[in-house]
PDB file of all heavy atoms in Angstrom:
ATOM      1  N   GLN A   1      50.159  27.832  62.640  1.00  0.00           N
ATOM      2  CA  GLN A   1      50.085  27.899  61.229  1.00  0.00           C
ATOM      3  C   GLN A   1      49.817  26.489  60.702  1.00  0.00           C
ATOM      4  O   GLN A   1      50.509  25.561  60.994  1.00  0.00           O
ATOM      5  CB  GLN A   1      51.486  28.347  60.678  1.00  0.00           C
ATOM      6  CG  GLN A   1      51.442  28.492  59.110  1.00  0.00           C
ATOM      7  CD  GLN A   1      52.743  28.952  58.559  1.00  0.00           C
ATOM      8  OE1 GLN A   1      53.794  28.588  59.032  1.00  0.00           O
ATOM      9  NE2 GLN A   1      52.688  29.751  57.490  1.00  0.00           N
ATOM     10  N   ARG A   2      48.797  26.490  59.854  1.00  0.00           N
ATOM     11  CA  ARG A   2      48.395  25.202  59.204  1.00  0.00           C
ATOM     12  C   ARG A   2      47.330  25.578  58.175  1.00  0.00           C
ATOM     13  O   ARG A   2      46.905  26.704  57.982  1.00  0.00           O
ATOM     14  CB  ARG A   2      47.863  24.178  60.182  1.00  0.00           C
ATOM     15  CG  ARG A   2      46.657  24.591  61.053  1.00  0.00           C
ATOM     16  CD  ARG A   2      45.835  23.447  61.572  1.00  0.00           C
ATOM     17  NE  ARG A   2      45.284  22.714  60.456  1.00  0.00           N
ATOM     18  CZ  ARG A   2      45.570  21.424  60.157  1.00  0.00           C
ATOM     19  NH1 ARG A   2      46.488  20.765  60.860  1.00  0.00           N
ATOM     20  NH2 ARG A   2      44.969  20.851  59.157  1.00  0.00           N
ATOM     21  N   LEU A   3      46.758  24.568  57.549  1.00  0.00           N
ATOM     22  CA  LEU A   3      45.605  24.779  56.652  1.00  0.00           C
ATOM     23  C   LEU A   3      44.467  24.833  57.548  1.00  0.00           C
ATOM     24  O   LEU A   3      44.073  23.883  58.233  1.00  0.00           O
ATOM     25  CB  LEU A   3      45.497  23.658  55.640  1.00  0.00           C
ATOM     26  CG  LEU A   3      46.423  23.757  54.413  1.00  0.00           C
ATOM     27  CD1 LEU A   3      46.308  22.533  53.512  1.00  0.00           C
ATOM     28  CD2 LEU A   3      46.039  24.984  53.535  1.00  0.00           C
ATOM     29  N   TRP A   4      43.598  25.922  57.388  1.00  0.00           N
ATOM     30  CA  TRP A   4      42.394  26.086  58.009  1.00  0.00           C
ATOM     31  C   TRP A   4      41.193  26.187  57.131  1.00  0.00           C
ATOM     32  O   TRP A   4      41.335  26.757  56.022  1.00  0.00           O
ATOM     33  CB  TRP A   4      42.405  27.343  58.956  1.00  0.00           C
ATOM     34  CG  TRP A   4      43.389  27.361  60.030  1.00  0.00           C
ATOM     35  CD1 TRP A   4      44.636  27.965  59.918  1.00  0.00           C
ATOM     36  CD2 TRP A   4      43.388  26.747  61.314  1.00  0.00           C
ATOM     37  NE1 TRP A   4      45.305  27.748  61.124  1.00  0.00           N
ATOM     38  CE2 TRP A   4      44.574  27.027  61.954  1.00  0.00           C
ATOM     39  CE3 TRP A   4      42.417  26.009  61.950  1.00  0.00           C
ATOM     40  CZ2 TRP A   4      44.829  26.569  63.318  1.00  0.00           C
ATOM     41  CZ3 TRP A   4      42.705  25.518  63.285  1.00  0.00           C
ATOM     42  CH2 TRP A   4      43.844  25.893  63.951  1.00  0.00           C
ATOM     43  N   LEU A   5      40.068  25.684  57.483  1.00  0.00           N
ATOM     44  CA  LEU A   5      38.817  25.871  56.740  1.00  0.00           C
ATOM     45  C   LEU A   5      38.196  27.217  57.116  1.00  0.00           C
ATOM     46  O   LEU A   5      38.027  27.511  58.337  1.00  0.00           O
ATOM     47  CB  LEU A   5      37.875  24.745  56.966  1.00  0.00           C
ATOM     48  CG  LEU A   5      36.732  24.370  55.963  1.00  0.00           C
ATOM     49  CD1 LEU A   5      37.388  24.052  54.619  1.00  0.00           C
ATOM     50  CD2 LEU A   5      35.936  23.242  56.554  1.00  0.00           C
ATOM     51  N   ARG A   6      37.938  28.058  56.099  1.00  0.00           N
ATOM     52  CA  ARG A   6      37.354  29.391  56.418  1.00  0.00           C
ATOM     53  C   ARG A   6      36.519  29.897  55.241  1.00  0.00           C
ATOM     54  O   ARG A   6      36.586  29.326  54.133  1.00  0.00           O
ATOM     55  CB  ARG A   6      38.388  30.438  56.876  1.00  0.00           C
ATOM     56  CG  ARG A   6      39.343  30.823  55.795  1.00  0.00           C
ATOM     57  CD  ARG A   6      40.471  31.768  56.335  1.00  0.00           C
ATOM     58  NE  ARG A   6      39.898  32.996  56.855  1.00  0.00           N
ATOM     59  CZ  ARG A   6      40.646  33.966  57.462  1.00  0.00           C
ATOM     60  NH1 ARG A   6      41.951  33.771  57.728  1.00  0.00           N
ATOM     61  NH2 ARG A   6      40.058  35.058  57.791  1.00  0.00           N
ATOM     62  N   TRP A   7      35.852  31.026  55.380  1.00  0.00           N
ATOM     63  CA  TRP A   7      34.972  31.549  54.370  1.00  0.00           C
ATOM     64  C   TRP A   7      35.601  32.595  53.534  1.00  0.00           C
ATOM     65  O   TRP A   7      36.502  33.318  54.077  1.00  0.00           O
ATOM     66  CB  TRP A   7      33.722  32.043  55.028  1.00  0.00           C
ATOM     67  CG  TRP A   7      32.896  31.082  55.788  1.00  0.00           C
ATOM     68  CD1 TRP A   7      32.976  30.679  57.074  1.00  0.00           C
ATOM     69  CD2 TRP A   7      31.822  30.284  55.241  1.00  0.00           C
ATOM     70  NE1 TRP A   7      32.086  29.713  57.448  1.00  0.00           N
ATOM     71  CE2 TRP A   7      31.330  29.426  56.365  1.00  0.00           C
ATOM     72  CE3 TRP A   7      31.242  30.114  53.952  1.00  0.00           C
ATOM     73  CZ2 TRP A   7      30.266  28.420  56.188  1.00  0.00           C
ATOM     74  CZ3 TRP A   7      30.145  29.173  53.934  1.00  0.00           C
ATOM     75  CH2 TRP A   7      29.765  28.449  54.857  1.00  0.00           C
ATOM     76  N   TYR A   8      35.146  32.760  52.248  1.00  0.00           N
ATOM     77  CA  TYR A   8      35.626  33.845  51.470  1.00  0.00           C
ATOM     78  C   TYR A   8      34.520  34.541  50.711  1.00  0.00           C
ATOM     79  O   TYR A   8      33.435  33.951  50.614  1.00  0.00           O
ATOM     80  CB  TYR A   8      36.749  33.304  50.450  1.00  0.00           C
ATOM     81  CG  TYR A   8      36.248  32.300  49.460  1.00  0.00           C
ATOM     82  CD1 TYR A   8      35.783  32.724  48.178  1.00  0.00           C
ATOM     83  CD2 TYR A   8      36.210  30.959  49.705  1.00  0.00           C
ATOM     84  CE1 TYR A   8      35.294  31.811  47.311  1.00  0.00           C
ATOM     85  CE2 TYR A   8      35.737  30.061  48.742  1.00  0.00           C
ATOM     86  CZ  TYR A   8      35.257  30.472  47.516  1.00  0.00           C
ATOM     87  OH  TYR A   8      34.871  29.556  46.606  1.00  0.00           O
ATOM     88  N   ASP A   9      34.772  35.775  50.243  1.00  0.00           N
ATOM     89  CA  ASP A   9      33.717  36.480  49.582  1.00  0.00           C
ATOM     90  C   ASP A   9      33.685  36.381  48.097  1.00  0.00           C
ATOM     91  O   ASP A   9      34.526  35.627  47.566  1.00  0.00           O
ATOM     92  CB  ASP A   9      33.911  38.015  49.984  1.00  0.00           C
ATOM     93  CG  ASP A   9      35.152  38.690  49.522  1.00  0.00           C
ATOM     94  OD1 ASP A   9      35.728  38.117  48.582  1.00  0.00           O
ATOM     95  OD2 ASP A   9      35.558  39.694  50.080  1.00  0.00           O
ATOM     96  N   GLY A  10      32.817  37.212  47.476  1.00  0.00           N
ATOM     97  CA  GLY A  10      32.630  37.015  46.004  1.00  0.00           C
ATOM     98  C   GLY A  10      33.888  37.414  45.170  1.00  0.00           C
ATOM     99  O   GLY A  10      33.964  37.059  44.000  1.00  0.00           O
ATOM    100  N   GLU A  11      34.800  38.228  45.771  1.00  0.00           N
ATOM    101  CA  GLU A  11      36.029  38.601  45.079  1.00  0.00           C
ATOM    102  C   GLU A  11      37.155  37.604  45.415  1.00  0.00           C
ATOM    103  O   GLU A  11      38.316  37.851  44.912  1.00  0.00           O
ATOM    104  CB  GLU A  11      36.375  39.961  45.508  1.00  0.00           C
ATOM    105  CG  GLU A  11      35.317  41.069  45.045  1.00  0.00           C
ATOM    106  CD  GLU A  11      35.714  42.401  45.511  1.00  0.00           C
ATOM    107  OE1 GLU A  11      36.713  42.579  46.176  1.00  0.00           O
ATOM    108  OE2 GLU A  11      35.031  43.354  45.040  1.00  0.00           O
ATOM    109  N   GLY A  12      36.837  36.520  46.131  1.00  0.00           N
ATOM    110  CA  GLY A  12      37.918  35.593  46.434  1.00  0.00           C
ATOM    111  C   GLY A  12      38.685  35.868  47.667  1.00  0.00           C
ATOM    112  O   GLY A  12      39.706  35.211  47.953  1.00  0.00           O
ATOM    113  N   ASN A  13      38.380  36.982  48.359  1.00  0.00           N
ATOM    114  CA  ASN A  13      39.153  37.415  49.555  1.00  0.00           C
ATOM    115  C   ASN A  13      38.614  36.648  50.803  1.00  0.00           C
ATOM    116  O   ASN A  13      37.379  36.478  50.999  1.00  0.00           O
ATOM    117  CB  ASN A  13      38.981  38.878  49.802  1.00  0.00           C
ATOM    118  CG  ASN A  13      39.474  39.733  48.587  1.00  0.00           C
ATOM    119  OD1 ASN A  13      40.617  39.435  48.074  1.00  0.00           O
ATOM    120  ND2 ASN A  13      38.730  40.716  48.184  1.00  0.00           N
ATOM    121  N   TRP A  14      39.597  36.293  51.549  1.00  0.00           N
ATOM    122  CA  TRP A  14      39.160  35.609  52.874  1.00  0.00           C
ATOM    123  C   TRP A  14      38.536  36.596  53.856  1.00  0.00           C
ATOM    124  O   TRP A  14      38.928  37.672  54.020  1.00  0.00           O
ATOM    125  CB  TRP A  14      40.393  35.007  53.564  1.00  0.00           C
ATOM    126  CG  TRP A  14      41.117  33.936  52.756  1.00  0.00           C
ATOM    127  CD1 TRP A  14      42.381  34.161  52.164  1.00  0.00           C
ATOM    128  CD2 TRP A  14      40.716  32.744  52.426  1.00  0.00           C
ATOM    129  NE1 TRP A  14      42.735  33.025  51.451  1.00  0.00           N
ATOM    130  CE2 TRP A  14      41.718  32.140  51.614  1.00  0.00           C
ATOM    131  CE3 TRP A  14      39.556  32.014  52.696  1.00  0.00           C
ATOM    132  CZ2 TRP A  14      41.572  30.759  51.064  1.00  0.00           C
ATOM    133  CZ3 TRP A  14      39.379  30.625  52.185  1.00  0.00           C
ATOM    134  CH2 TRP A  14      40.405  30.112  51.420  1.00  0.00           C
ATOM    135  N   ILE A  15      37.320  36.203  54.373  1.00  0.00           N
ATOM    136  CA  ILE A  15      36.646  36.960  55.349  1.00  0.00           C
ATOM    137  C   ILE A  15      37.481  37.132  56.599  1.00  0.00           C
ATOM    138  O   ILE A  15      37.910  36.126  57.192  1.00  0.00           O
ATOM    139  CB  ILE A  15      35.233  36.424  55.686  1.00  0.00           C
ATOM    140  CG1 ILE A  15      34.459  36.126  54.464  1.00  0.00           C
ATOM    141  CG2 ILE A  15      34.500  37.320  56.685  1.00  0.00           C
ATOM    142  CD1 ILE A  15      33.993  37.356  53.672  1.00  0.00           C
ATOM    143  N   PRO A  16      37.822  38.318  56.983  1.00  0.00           N
ATOM    144  CA  PRO A  16      38.720  38.516  58.183  1.00  0.00           C
ATOM    145  C   PRO A  16      38.078  38.071  59.499  1.00  0.00           C
ATOM    146  O   PRO A  16      36.747  38.308  59.659  1.00  0.00           O
ATOM    147  CB  PRO A  16      39.056  39.975  58.163  1.00  0.00           C
ATOM    148  CG  PRO A  16      37.886  40.630  57.465  1.00  0.00           C
ATOM    149  CD  PRO A  16      37.429  39.680  56.519  1.00  0.00           C
ATOM    150  N   THR A  17      38.815  37.578  60.430  1.00  0.00           N
ATOM    151  CA  THR A  17      38.287  37.398  61.770  1.00  0.00           C
ATOM    152  C   THR A  17      38.216  38.732  62.475  1.00  0.00           C
ATOM    153  O   THR A  17      38.828  39.718  62.003  1.00  0.00           O
ATOM    154  CB  THR A  17      39.231  36.442  62.642  1.00  0.00           C
ATOM    155  OG1 THR A  17      40.520  37.105  62.757  1.00  0.00           O
ATOM    156  CG2 THR A  17      39.421  35.130  61.843  1.00  0.00           C
ATOM    157  N   PRO A  18      37.514  38.889  63.623  1.00  0.00           N
ATOM    158  CA  PRO A  18      37.433  40.105  64.312  1.00  0.00           C
ATOM    159  C   PRO A  18      38.904  40.627  64.655  1.00  0.00           C
ATOM    160  O   PRO A  18      39.161  41.795  64.575  1.00  0.00           O
ATOM    161  CB  PRO A  18      36.638  39.856  65.582  1.00  0.00           C
ATOM    162  CG  PRO A  18      35.670  38.704  65.166  1.00  0.00           C
ATOM    163  CD  PRO A  18      36.534  37.869  64.215  1.00  0.00           C
ATOM    164  N   GLU A  19      39.805  39.704  65.101  1.00  0.00           N
ATOM    165  CA  GLU A  19      41.202  40.121  65.441  1.00  0.00           C
ATOM    166  C   GLU A  19      41.865  40.620  64.230  1.00  0.00           C
ATOM    167  O   GLU A  19      42.585  41.648  64.302  1.00  0.00           O
ATOM    168  CB  GLU A  19      41.842  38.902  66.081  1.00  0.00           C
ATOM    169  CG  GLU A  19      43.290  39.238  66.501  1.00  0.00           C
ATOM    170  CD  GLU A  19      44.002  38.062  67.119  1.00  0.00           C
ATOM    171  OE1 GLU A  19      43.409  36.964  67.244  1.00  0.00           O
ATOM    172  OE2 GLU A  19      45.118  38.205  67.501  1.00  0.00           O
ATOM    173  N   GLU A  20      41.652  39.931  63.050  1.00  0.00           N
ATOM    174  CA  GLU A  20      42.367  40.383  61.858  1.00  0.00           C
ATOM    175  C   GLU A  20      41.817  41.780  61.398  1.00  0.00           C
ATOM    176  O   GLU A  20      42.620  42.600  60.924  1.00  0.00           O
ATOM    177  CB  GLU A  20      42.093  39.391  60.695  1.00  0.00           C
ATOM    178  CG  GLU A  20      42.960  38.119  60.875  1.00  0.00           C
ATOM    179  CD  GLU A  20      42.465  37.036  59.961  1.00  0.00           C
ATOM    180  OE1 GLU A  20      41.386  37.064  59.378  1.00  0.00           O
ATOM    181  OE2 GLU A  20      43.299  36.068  59.728  1.00  0.00           O
ATOM    182  N   SER A  21      40.545  41.970  61.597  1.00  0.00           N
ATOM    183  CA  SER A  21      39.915  43.327  61.307  1.00  0.00           C
ATOM    184  C   SER A  21      40.613  44.439  62.128  1.00  0.00           C
ATOM    185  O   SER A  21      40.802  45.486  61.704  1.00  0.00           O
ATOM    186  CB  SER A  21      38.409  43.339  61.444  1.00  0.00           C
ATOM    187  OG  SER A  21      37.858  42.440  60.576  1.00  0.00           O
ATOM    188  N   VAL A  22      40.765  44.109  63.470  1.00  0.00           N
ATOM    189  CA  VAL A  22      41.381  45.174  64.302  1.00  0.00           C
ATOM    190  C   VAL A  22      42.770  45.391  63.994  1.00  0.00           C
ATOM    191  O   VAL A  22      43.223  46.565  63.957  1.00  0.00           O
ATOM    192  CB  VAL A  22      41.276  44.628  65.853  1.00  0.00           C
ATOM    193  CG1 VAL A  22      42.097  45.546  66.764  1.00  0.00           C
ATOM    194  CG2 VAL A  22      39.828  44.563  66.289  1.00  0.00           C
ATOM    195  N   ASP A  23      43.548  44.360  63.631  1.00  0.00           N
ATOM    196  CA  ASP A  23      44.875  44.479  63.221  1.00  0.00           C
ATOM    197  C   ASP A  23      44.985  45.368  61.882  1.00  0.00           C
ATOM    198  O   ASP A  23      45.861  46.209  61.781  1.00  0.00           O
ATOM    199  CB  ASP A  23      45.530  43.193  63.047  1.00  0.00           C
ATOM    200  CG  ASP A  23      45.922  42.446  64.337  1.00  0.00           C
ATOM    201  OD1 ASP A  23      45.835  43.143  65.364  1.00  0.00           O
ATOM    202  OD2 ASP A  23      46.036  41.217  64.344  1.00  0.00           O
ATOM    203  N   LYS A  24      44.132  45.049  60.962  1.00  0.00           N
ATOM    204  CA  LYS A  24      44.102  45.721  59.787  1.00  0.00           C
ATOM    205  C   LYS A  24      43.766  47.267  59.969  1.00  0.00           C
ATOM    206  O   LYS A  24      44.403  48.156  59.364  1.00  0.00           O
ATOM    207  CB  LYS A  24      43.058  45.180  58.735  1.00  0.00           C
ATOM    208  CG  LYS A  24      43.039  45.730  57.421  1.00  0.00           C
ATOM    209  CD  LYS A  24      42.093  45.027  56.478  1.00  0.00           C
ATOM    210  CE  LYS A  24      42.038  45.648  55.116  1.00  0.00           C
ATOM    211  NZ  LYS A  24      41.097  44.911  54.199  1.00  0.00           N
ATOM    212  N   GLU A  25      42.775  47.564  60.825  1.00  0.00           N
ATOM    213  CA  GLU A  25      42.466  48.927  61.112  1.00  0.00           C
ATOM    214  C   GLU A  25      43.552  49.680  61.827  1.00  0.00           C
ATOM    215  O   GLU A  25      43.866  50.832  61.441  1.00  0.00           O
ATOM    216  CB  GLU A  25      41.162  48.899  61.956  1.00  0.00           C
ATOM    217  CG  GLU A  25      40.701  50.362  62.266  1.00  0.00           C
ATOM    218  CD  GLU A  25      39.401  50.372  63.111  1.00  0.00           C
ATOM    219  OE1 GLU A  25      38.871  49.289  63.264  1.00  0.00           O
ATOM    220  OE2 GLU A  25      39.073  51.466  63.584  1.00  0.00           O
ATOM    221  N   ARG A  26      44.255  48.899  62.715  1.00  0.00           N
ATOM    222  CA  ARG A  26      45.438  49.511  63.399  1.00  0.00           C
ATOM    223  C   ARG A  26      46.553  49.844  62.456  1.00  0.00           C
ATOM    224  O   ARG A  26      47.145  50.944  62.470  1.00  0.00           O
ATOM    225  CB  ARG A  26      45.931  48.652  64.544  1.00  0.00           C
ATOM    226  CG  ARG A  26      47.262  49.098  65.247  1.00  0.00           C
ATOM    227  CD  ARG A  26      47.630  48.072  66.276  1.00  0.00           C
ATOM    228  NE  ARG A  26      47.862  46.769  65.697  1.00  0.00           N
ATOM    229  CZ  ARG A  26      48.913  46.365  64.927  1.00  0.00           C
ATOM    230  NH1 ARG A  26      49.915  47.303  64.780  1.00  0.00           N
ATOM    231  NH2 ARG A  26      49.013  45.167  64.517  1.00  0.00           N
ATOM    232  N   MET A  27      46.853  48.925  61.516  1.00  0.00           N
ATOM    233  CA  MET A  27      47.905  49.160  60.585  1.00  0.00           C
ATOM    234  C   MET A  27      47.552  50.257  59.641  1.00  0.00           C
ATOM    235  O   MET A  27      48.458  51.146  59.213  1.00  0.00           O
ATOM    236  CB  MET A  27      48.142  47.796  59.735  1.00  0.00           C
ATOM    237  CG  MET A  27      48.734  46.756  60.601  1.00  0.00           C
ATOM    238  SD  MET A  27      48.904  45.217  59.706  1.00  0.00           S
ATOM    239  CE  MET A  27      50.128  45.679  58.468  1.00  0.00           C
ATOM    240  N   ALA A  28      46.277  50.442  59.274  1.00  0.00           N
ATOM    241  CA  ALA A  28      45.818  51.521  58.347  1.00  0.00           C
ATOM    242  C   ALA A  28      46.058  52.839  59.091  1.00  0.00           C
ATOM    243  O   ALA A  28      46.418  53.846  58.486  1.00  0.00           O
ATOM    244  CB  ALA A  28      44.436  51.325  57.940  1.00  0.00           C
ATOM    245  N   LYS A  29      45.778  52.844  60.400  1.00  0.00           N
ATOM    246  CA  LYS A  29      45.838  54.127  61.132  1.00  0.00           C
ATOM    247  C   LYS A  29      47.399  54.539  61.262  1.00  0.00           C
ATOM    248  O   LYS A  29      47.748  55.705  61.151  1.00  0.00           O
ATOM    249  CB  LYS A  29      45.273  54.006  62.532  1.00  0.00           C
ATOM    250  CG  LYS A  29      43.784  54.049  62.511  1.00  0.00           C
ATOM    251  CD  LYS A  29      43.192  53.880  63.944  1.00  0.00           C
ATOM    252  CE  LYS A  29      41.672  53.917  63.949  1.00  0.00           C
ATOM    253  NZ  LYS A  29      41.110  53.830  65.371  1.00  0.00           N
ATOM    254  N   GLU A  30      48.139  53.495  61.580  1.00  0.00           N
ATOM    255  CA  GLU A  30      49.643  53.770  61.626  1.00  0.00           C
ATOM    256  C   GLU A  30      50.167  54.221  60.380  1.00  0.00           C
ATOM    257  O   GLU A  30      51.053  55.104  60.293  1.00  0.00           O
ATOM    258  CB  GLU A  30      50.391  52.501  62.128  1.00  0.00           C
ATOM    259  CG  GLU A  30      50.071  52.076  63.616  1.00  0.00           C
ATOM    260  CD  GLU A  30      50.670  50.763  63.932  1.00  0.00           C
ATOM    261  OE1 GLU A  30      51.321  50.147  63.118  1.00  0.00           O
ATOM    262  OE2 GLU A  30      50.648  50.389  65.182  1.00  0.00           O
ATOM    263  N   SER A  31      49.686  53.635  59.242  1.00  0.00           N
ATOM    264  CA  SER A  31      50.206  53.987  57.971  1.00  0.00           C
ATOM    265  C   SER A  31      49.787  55.506  57.611  1.00  0.00           C
ATOM    266  O   SER A  31      50.577  56.237  57.096  1.00  0.00           O
ATOM    267  CB  SER A  31      49.627  53.083  56.888  1.00  0.00           C
ATOM    268  OG  SER A  31      50.119  53.481  55.563  1.00  0.00           O
ATOM    269  N   ALA A  32      48.578  55.864  57.936  1.00  0.00           N
ATOM    270  CA  ALA A  32      48.081  57.128  57.775  1.00  0.00           C
ATOM    271  C   ALA A  32      48.855  58.174  58.581  1.00  0.00           C
ATOM    272  O   ALA A  32      49.189  59.245  58.046  1.00  0.00           O
ATOM    273  CB  ALA A  32      46.601  57.214  58.079  1.00  0.00           C
ATOM    274  N   MET A  33      49.172  57.880  59.813  1.00  0.00           N
ATOM    275  CA  MET A  33      49.978  58.704  60.640  1.00  0.00           C
ATOM    276  C   MET A  33      51.371  58.876  60.175  1.00  0.00           C
ATOM    277  O   MET A  33      51.979  59.934  60.200  1.00  0.00           O
ATOM    278  CB  MET A  33      49.964  58.161  62.130  1.00  0.00           C
ATOM    279  CG  MET A  33      48.653  58.168  62.806  1.00  0.00           C
ATOM    280  SD  MET A  33      48.673  57.381  64.453  1.00  0.00           S
ATOM    281  CE  MET A  33      49.863  58.418  65.302  1.00  0.00           C
ATOM    282  N   GLN A  34      51.954  57.812  59.588  1.00  0.00           N
ATOM    283  CA  GLN A  34      53.318  57.871  58.996  1.00  0.00           C
ATOM    284  C   GLN A  34      53.256  58.794  57.759  1.00  0.00           C
ATOM    285  O   GLN A  34      54.285  59.545  57.656  1.00  0.00           O
ATOM    286  CB  GLN A  34      53.736  56.455  58.672  1.00  0.00           C
ATOM    287  CG  GLN A  34      55.143  56.475  58.128  1.00  0.00           C
ATOM    288  CD  GLN A  34      55.688  54.984  57.791  1.00  0.00           C
ATOM    289  OE1 GLN A  34      54.972  54.059  58.194  1.00  0.00           O
ATOM    290  NE2 GLN A  34      56.869  54.999  57.253  1.00  0.00           N
ATOM    291  N   ARG A  35      52.219  58.692  56.953  1.00  0.00           N
ATOM    292  CA  ARG A  35      52.163  59.607  55.816  1.00  0.00           C
ATOM    293  C   ARG A  35      52.032  61.063  56.211  1.00  0.00           C
ATOM    294  O   ARG A  35      52.721  61.887  55.626  1.00  0.00           O
ATOM    295  CB  ARG A  35      50.975  59.202  54.933  1.00  0.00           C
ATOM    296  CG  ARG A  35      51.134  57.922  54.119  1.00  0.00           C
ATOM    297  CD  ARG A  35      50.130  57.751  53.071  1.00  0.00           C
ATOM    298  NE  ARG A  35      48.743  57.829  53.544  1.00  0.00           N
ATOM    299  CZ  ARG A  35      48.151  56.695  53.906  1.00  0.00           C
ATOM    300  NH1 ARG A  35      48.736  55.527  53.792  1.00  0.00           N
ATOM    301  NH2 ARG A  35      46.859  56.768  54.350  1.00  0.00           N
ATOM    302  N   VAL A  36      51.290  61.352  57.283  1.00  0.00           N
ATOM    303  CA  VAL A  36      51.176  62.719  57.704  1.00  0.00           C
ATOM    304  C   VAL A  36      52.504  63.191  58.227  1.00  0.00           C
ATOM    305  O   VAL A  36      52.837  64.388  57.953  1.00  0.00           O
ATOM    306  CB  VAL A  36      50.058  62.811  58.886  1.00  0.00           C
ATOM    307  CG1 VAL A  36      50.141  64.177  59.541  1.00  0.00           C
ATOM    308  CG2 VAL A  36      48.702  62.503  58.316  1.00  0.00           C
ATOM    309  N   GLU A  37      53.242  62.393  58.919  1.00  0.00           N
ATOM    310  CA  GLU A  37      54.452  62.755  59.501  1.00  0.00           C
ATOM    311  C   GLU A  37      55.537  63.053  58.341  1.00  0.00           C
ATOM    312  O   GLU A  37      56.262  64.015  58.365  1.00  0.00           O
ATOM    313  CB  GLU A  37      55.083  61.766  60.435  1.00  0.00           C
ATOM    314  CG  GLU A  37      56.442  61.944  61.009  1.00  0.00           C
ATOM    315  CD  GLU A  37      56.434  63.197  61.961  1.00  0.00           C
ATOM    316  OE1 GLU A  37      55.311  63.690  62.317  1.00  0.00           O
ATOM    317  OE2 GLU A  37      57.495  63.609  62.325  1.00  0.00           O
TER     318      GLU A  37
END
């Protein structure tokens, strides 16, 4: 954990790394499965 230099998009959101994208997709799937249950 520290300050890192990275890129952001036109809406001010940080561009995710590939690992962050995978984690986000996994959390979205888990959340969807929880809603179904």
